[in-house]
Amino acid sequence: MHRLVLAFINSMRALKHLAMHEKAVQQELGLFFISIPVAAFIAPSGLAFLLLTGSVLFLILIEVLNTGIEAACDAVSLDFHREIQIAKDCGSLAVLISVILVAAVWLYTLWSVFFA
């Protein structure tokens, strides 16, 4: 149980840091908090609500991992290295893919609710 408490404390420290210093995470957390009441209003089922809010949480998850990759790369070297650029670009691509997923889930749900 002690390890779980320590892991939770570490996670909250990371969340606090990201929420205070990372604009992308700040925007995505705002999006998440807005998505909860909007999803509750438009979701035709509990599963749809979970997909709508879960897709935004997935985006935040990928952003957190991307930020971790960038921090690790910057800790290794601030000089240009092709391998570091590739690692950072892959993290950015992962964020883009998750943004596309969020958009697809929300657009599909909105279309289904209002036009189908």
Protein backbone atom coordinates (compact mmCIF):
# COMPACT_ATOMS: atom_id res chain seq x y z
CA MET A 1 0.00 0.00 0.00
CA HIS A 2 2.88 2.36 0.79
CA ARG A 3 4.21 2.05 -2.78
CA LEU A 4 0.79 2.99 -4.16
CA VAL A 5 0.71 6.09 -1.99
CA LEU A 6 4.19 7.09 -3.14
CA ALA A 7 3.27 6.47 -6.77
CA PHE A 8 0.17 8.62 -6.34
CA ILE A 9 2.23 11.43 -4.79
CA ASN A 10 4.71 11.26 -7.68
CA SER A 11 1.84 11.34 -10.19
CA MET A 12 0.25 14.36 -8.54
CA ARG A 13 3.62 16.15 -8.54
CA ALA A 14 3.89 15.52 -12.28
CA LEU A 15 0.30 16.67 -12.86
CA LYS A 16 0.93 19.85 -10.87
CA HIS A 17 4.09 20.58 -12.85
CA LEU A 18 2.42 19.96 -16.20
CA ALA A 19 -0.66 21.97 -15.29
CA MET A 20 1.51 24.91 -14.25
CA HIS A 21 4.15 24.84 -17.00
CA GLU A 22 2.88 23.11 -20.14
CA LYS A 23 0.46 25.10 -22.30
CA ALA A 24 -0.70 22.04 -24.24
CA VAL A 25 -1.57 20.17 -21.05
CA GLN A 26 -3.33 23.26 -19.67
CA GLN A 27 -5.45 23.45 -22.83
CA GLU A 28 -6.22 19.75 -22.79
CA LEU A 29 -7.17 19.77 -19.10
CA GLY A 30 -9.51 22.67 -19.86
CA LEU A 31 -10.95 20.69 -22.75
CA PHE A 32 -11.45 17.71 -20.46
CA PHE A 33 -13.31 19.69 -17.82
CA ILE A 34 -15.52 21.25 -20.50
CA SER A 35 -16.07 17.85 -22.12
CA ILE A 36 -17.60 16.32 -18.99
CA PRO A 37 -20.85 18.36 -18.88
CA VAL A 38 -21.06 18.57 -22.68
CA ALA A 39 -20.67 14.80 -23.00
CA ALA A 40 -23.22 14.26 -20.24
CA PHE A 41 -25.67 16.39 -22.20
CA ILE A 42 -25.17 14.91 -25.68
CA ALA A 43 -24.18 11.30 -24.99
CA PRO A 44 -27.01 8.92 -25.88
CA SER A 45 -25.64 6.26 -23.50
CA GLY A 46 -23.18 5.68 -20.73
CA LEU A 47 -20.81 4.05 -23.18
CA ALA A 48 -20.92 7.11 -25.45
CA PHE A 49 -20.16 9.32 -22.44
CA LEU A 50 -17.15 7.16 -21.61
CA LEU A 51 -15.93 7.27 -25.20
CA LEU A 52 -16.29 11.05 -25.41
CA THR A 53 -14.54 11.82 -22.13
CA GLY A 54 -12.15 8.87 -22.44
CA SER A 55 -10.91 10.06 -25.80
CA VAL A 56 -9.93 13.39 -24.23
CA LEU A 57 -8.24 11.58 -21.34
CA PHE A 58 -6.37 9.51 -23.91
CA LEU A 59 -5.19 12.74 -25.55
CA ILE A 60 -3.92 13.97 -22.18
CA LEU A 61 -2.17 10.64 -21.62
CA ILE A 62 -0.35 10.92 -24.93
CA GLU A 63 0.56 14.56 -24.23
CA VAL A 64 2.02 13.52 -20.85
CA LEU A 65 4.13 10.83 -22.52
CA ASN A 66 5.23 13.27 -25.23
CA THR A 67 6.29 15.78 -22.59
CA GLY A 68 8.23 13.05 -20.80
CA ILE A 69 10.02 12.14 -24.03
CA GLU A 70 10.89 15.78 -24.65
CA ALA A 71 12.15 16.26 -21.09
CA ALA A 72 14.31 13.13 -21.30
CA CYS A 73 15.73 14.22 -24.65
CA ASP A 74 16.49 17.70 -23.31
CA ALA A 75 18.19 16.17 -20.27
CA VAL A 76 20.47 14.18 -22.56
CA SER A 77 21.44 17.11 -24.78
CA LEU A 78 20.16 20.47 -25.88
CA ASP A 79 22.34 20.26 -28.99
CA PHE A 80 20.84 19.09 -32.24
CA HIS A 81 20.92 15.33 -32.74
CA ARG A 82 19.01 13.63 -35.52
CA GLU A 83 17.93 10.82 -33.18
CA ILE A 84 16.55 13.27 -30.63
CA GLN A 85 14.67 15.10 -33.36
CA ILE A 86 13.12 11.80 -34.48
CA ALA A 87 12.11 10.93 -30.90
CA LYS A 88 10.49 14.34 -30.41
CA ASP A 89 8.79 14.18 -33.81
CA CYS A 90 7.39 10.72 -32.99
CA GLY A 91 5.96 12.08 -29.74
CA SER A 92 4.40 14.94 -31.67
CA LEU A 93 2.92 12.49 -34.17
CA ALA A 94 1.40 10.48 -31.31
CA VAL A 95 -0.30 13.65 -30.06
CA LEU A 96 -1.60 14.39 -33.56
CA ILE A 97 -3.02 10.88 -33.89
CA SER A 98 -4.79 11.24 -30.55
CA VAL A 99 -6.21 14.64 -31.58
CA ILE A 100 -7.61 12.97 -34.71
CA LEU A 101 -9.12 10.24 -32.53
CA VAL A 102 -10.78 12.82 -30.25
CA ALA A 103 -12.17 14.69 -33.25
CA ALA A 104 -13.48 11.48 -34.84
CA VAL A 105 -15.21 10.29 -31.65
CA TRP A 106 -16.80 13.67 -30.99
CA LEU A 107 -17.84 14.30 -34.60
CA TYR A 108 -19.32 10.82 -34.94
CA THR A 109 -21.28 11.22 -31.71
CA LEU A 110 -22.49 14.71 -32.59
CA TRP A 111 -23.52 13.53 -36.05
CA SER A 112 -25.33 10.51 -34.62
CA VAL A 113 -27.20 12.57 -32.03
CA PHE A 114 -28.20 15.54 -34.15
CA PHE A 115 -28.40 14.29 -37.75
CA ALA A 116 -29.13 10.56 -37.67
